[in-house]
Amino acid sequence: MKWASGEETMKAYLHLYDAAQHAKVQDSIHKQLHNSVNQQLPTLRRKRTDKPLDPRAPKTNLPQPVTVCSDPAYTYLIGLGGGNESN
């Protein structure tokens, strides 16, 4: 396969790129992100605590790990926090 130079490739696809439309779409996305952050910010600030977390405090309301493998060693490691099964 013969590769075209960068200039040839840009010439071939330049007609598909509309800078004004790109800027319009980008502005719209940025406004949506800005609005989303501004809506969530008060909630996030209310949840924030100024006290550092005590690592010795008992863990409460932690989700139980989901077992995707029947291997006891795997289950044990996931139980120790070796996986992120909630995502």
C-alpha atoms as a PDB file:
ATOM      1  CA  MET A   1       0.000   0.000   0.000  1.00  0.00           C
ATOM      2  CA  LYS A   2       1.362   3.390  -0.939  1.00  0.00           C
ATOM      3  CA  TRP A   3       0.909   6.061   1.711  1.00  0.00           C
ATOM      4  CA  ALA A   4       0.105   9.608   0.695  1.00  0.00           C
ATOM      5  CA  SER A   5       2.038  12.494   2.143  1.00  0.00           C
ATOM      6  CA  GLY A   6       0.477  14.501   4.955  1.00  0.00           C
ATOM      7  CA  GLU A   7      -0.242  17.386   2.595  1.00  0.00           C
ATOM      8  CA  GLU A   8      -2.028  15.104   0.135  1.00  0.00           C
ATOM      9  CA  THR A   9      -4.105  13.592   2.906  1.00  0.00           C
ATOM     10  CA  MET A  10      -5.094  17.028   4.233  1.00  0.00           C
ATOM     11  CA  LYS A  11      -6.099  18.178   0.741  1.00  0.00           C
ATOM     12  CA  ALA A  12      -8.250  15.087   0.326  1.00  0.00           C
ATOM     13  CA  TYR A  13     -10.168  15.619   3.588  1.00  0.00           C
ATOM     14  CA  LEU A  14     -10.063  19.403   4.060  1.00  0.00           C
ATOM     15  CA  HIS A  15     -13.408  19.878   2.350  1.00  0.00           C
ATOM     16  CA  LEU A  16     -15.040  17.828   5.129  1.00  0.00           C
ATOM     17  CA  TYR A  17     -13.796  20.120   7.908  1.00  0.00           C
ATOM     18  CA  ASP A  18     -15.820  23.249   8.571  1.00  0.00           C
ATOM     19  CA  ALA A  19     -14.050  25.397  11.171  1.00  0.00           C
ATOM     20  CA  ALA A  20     -17.113  27.489  11.936  1.00  0.00           C
ATOM     21  CA  GLN A  21     -19.286  24.412  12.510  1.00  0.00           C
ATOM     22  CA  HIS A  22     -16.565  22.813  14.631  1.00  0.00           C
ATOM     23  CA  ALA A  23     -16.331  25.944  16.800  1.00  0.00           C
ATOM     24  CA  LYS A  24     -20.131  26.053  17.159  1.00  0.00           C
ATOM     25  CA  VAL A  25     -20.299  22.414  18.282  1.00  0.00           C
ATOM     26  CA  GLN A  26     -17.338  22.862  20.627  1.00  0.00           C
ATOM     27  CA  ASP A  27     -18.942  25.952  22.219  1.00  0.00           C
ATOM     28  CA  SER A  28     -22.168  24.028  22.725  1.00  0.00           C
ATOM     29  CA  ILE A  29     -20.350  21.151  24.418  1.00  0.00           C
ATOM     30  CA  HIS A  30     -18.411  23.528  26.668  1.00  0.00           C
ATOM     31  CA  LYS A  31     -21.625  25.323  27.698  1.00  0.00           C
ATOM     32  CA  GLN A  32     -23.271  21.997  28.554  1.00  0.00           C
ATOM     33  CA  LEU A  33     -20.265  20.946  30.633  1.00  0.00           C
ATOM     34  CA  HIS A  34     -20.176  24.315  32.384  1.00  0.00           C
ATOM     35  CA  ASN A  35     -23.902  24.134  33.207  1.00  0.00           C
ATOM     36  CA  SER A  36     -23.574  20.565  34.446  1.00  0.00           C
ATOM     37  CA  VAL A  37     -20.700  21.447  36.754  1.00  0.00           C
ATOM     38  CA  ASN A  38     -22.513  24.520  38.077  1.00  0.00           C
ATOM     39  CA  GLN A  39     -25.615  22.430  38.851  1.00  0.00           C
ATOM     40  CA  GLN A  40     -23.636  19.777  40.717  1.00  0.00           C
ATOM     41  CA  LEU A  41     -21.195  22.069  42.528  1.00  0.00           C
ATOM     42  CA  PRO A  42     -23.476  23.074  45.430  1.00  0.00           C
ATOM     43  CA  THR A  43     -24.282  19.426  46.119  1.00  0.00           C
ATOM     44  CA  LEU A  44     -20.622  18.461  46.015  1.00  0.00           C
ATOM     45  CA  ARG A  45     -19.683  21.292  48.361  1.00  0.00           C
ATOM     46  CA  ARG A  46     -22.351  20.231  50.872  1.00  0.00           C
ATOM     47  CA  LYS A  47     -21.043  16.653  50.910  1.00  0.00           C
ATOM     48  CA  ARG A  48     -17.466  17.766  51.521  1.00  0.00           C
ATOM     49  CA  THR A  49     -16.143  17.480  55.059  1.00  0.00           C
ATOM     50  CA  ASP A  50     -13.268  19.465  56.419  1.00  0.00           C
ATOM     51  CA  LYS A  51     -12.240  16.654  58.731  1.00  0.00           C
ATOM     52  CA  PRO A  52      -9.686  14.178  57.385  1.00  0.00           C
ATOM     53  CA  LEU A  53     -10.893  10.617  57.178  1.00  0.00           C
ATOM     54  CA  ASP A  54      -9.728   8.281  59.911  1.00  0.00           C
ATOM     55  CA  PRO A  55      -8.356   5.118  58.261  1.00  0.00           C
ATOM     56  CA  ARG A  56      -9.046   3.200  61.492  1.00  0.00           C
ATOM     57  CA  ALA A  57     -12.749   4.073  61.470  1.00  0.00           C
ATOM     58  CA  PRO A  58     -15.025   1.122  60.769  1.00  0.00           C
ATOM     59  CA  LYS A  59     -16.156   0.838  57.202  1.00  0.00           C
ATOM     60  CA  THR A  60     -19.927   1.140  56.880  1.00  0.00           C
ATOM     61  CA  ASN A  61     -22.259   0.718  53.957  1.00  0.00           C
ATOM     62  CA  LEU A  62     -19.602  -0.708  51.684  1.00  0.00           C
ATOM     63  CA  PRO A  63     -20.911  -2.624  48.683  1.00  0.00           C
ATOM     64  CA  GLN A  64     -20.253  -6.318  48.699  1.00  0.00           C
ATOM     65  CA  PRO A  65     -17.913  -7.509  45.953  1.00  0.00           C
ATOM     66  CA  VAL A  66     -19.510  -9.205  42.998  1.00  0.00           C
ATOM     67  CA  THR A  67     -18.087 -12.635  42.347  1.00  0.00           C
ATOM     68  CA  VAL A  68     -17.351 -13.110  38.671  1.00  0.00           C
ATOM     69  CA  CYS A  69     -15.081 -16.059  39.238  1.00  0.00           C
ATOM     70  CA  SER A  70     -15.569 -19.083  41.454  1.00  0.00           C
ATOM     71  CA  ASP A  71     -11.862 -19.246  42.356  1.00  0.00           C
ATOM     72  CA  PRO A  72     -11.604 -18.741  46.160  1.00  0.00           C
ATOM     73  CA  ALA A  73      -8.259 -16.941  45.828  1.00  0.00           C
ATOM     74  CA  TYR A  74      -9.767 -14.433  43.406  1.00  0.00           C
ATOM     75  CA  THR A  75     -12.763 -13.891  45.688  1.00  0.00           C
ATOM     76  CA  TYR A  76     -10.420 -13.346  48.631  1.00  0.00           C
ATOM     77  CA  LEU A  77      -8.357 -10.738  46.723  1.00  0.00           C
ATOM     78  CA  ILE A  78     -11.462  -8.882  45.556  1.00  0.00           C
ATOM     79  CA  GLY A  79     -12.683  -8.881  49.155  1.00  0.00           C
ATOM     80  CA  LEU A  80      -9.457  -7.161  50.172  1.00  0.00           C
ATOM     81  CA  GLY A  81     -10.157  -4.372  47.720  1.00  0.00           C
ATOM     82  CA  GLY A  82      -8.182  -5.684  44.801  1.00  0.00           C
ATOM     83  CA  GLY A  83     -10.791  -4.873  42.219  1.00  0.00           C
ATOM     84  CA  ASN A  84     -13.224  -2.254  41.114  1.00  0.00           C
ATOM     85  CA  GLU A  85     -16.344  -4.271  40.426  1.00  0.00           C
ATOM     86  CA  SER A  86     -18.732  -1.297  40.707  1.00  0.00           C
ATOM     87  CA  ASN A  87     -17.698   0.157  37.313  1.00  0.00           C
END
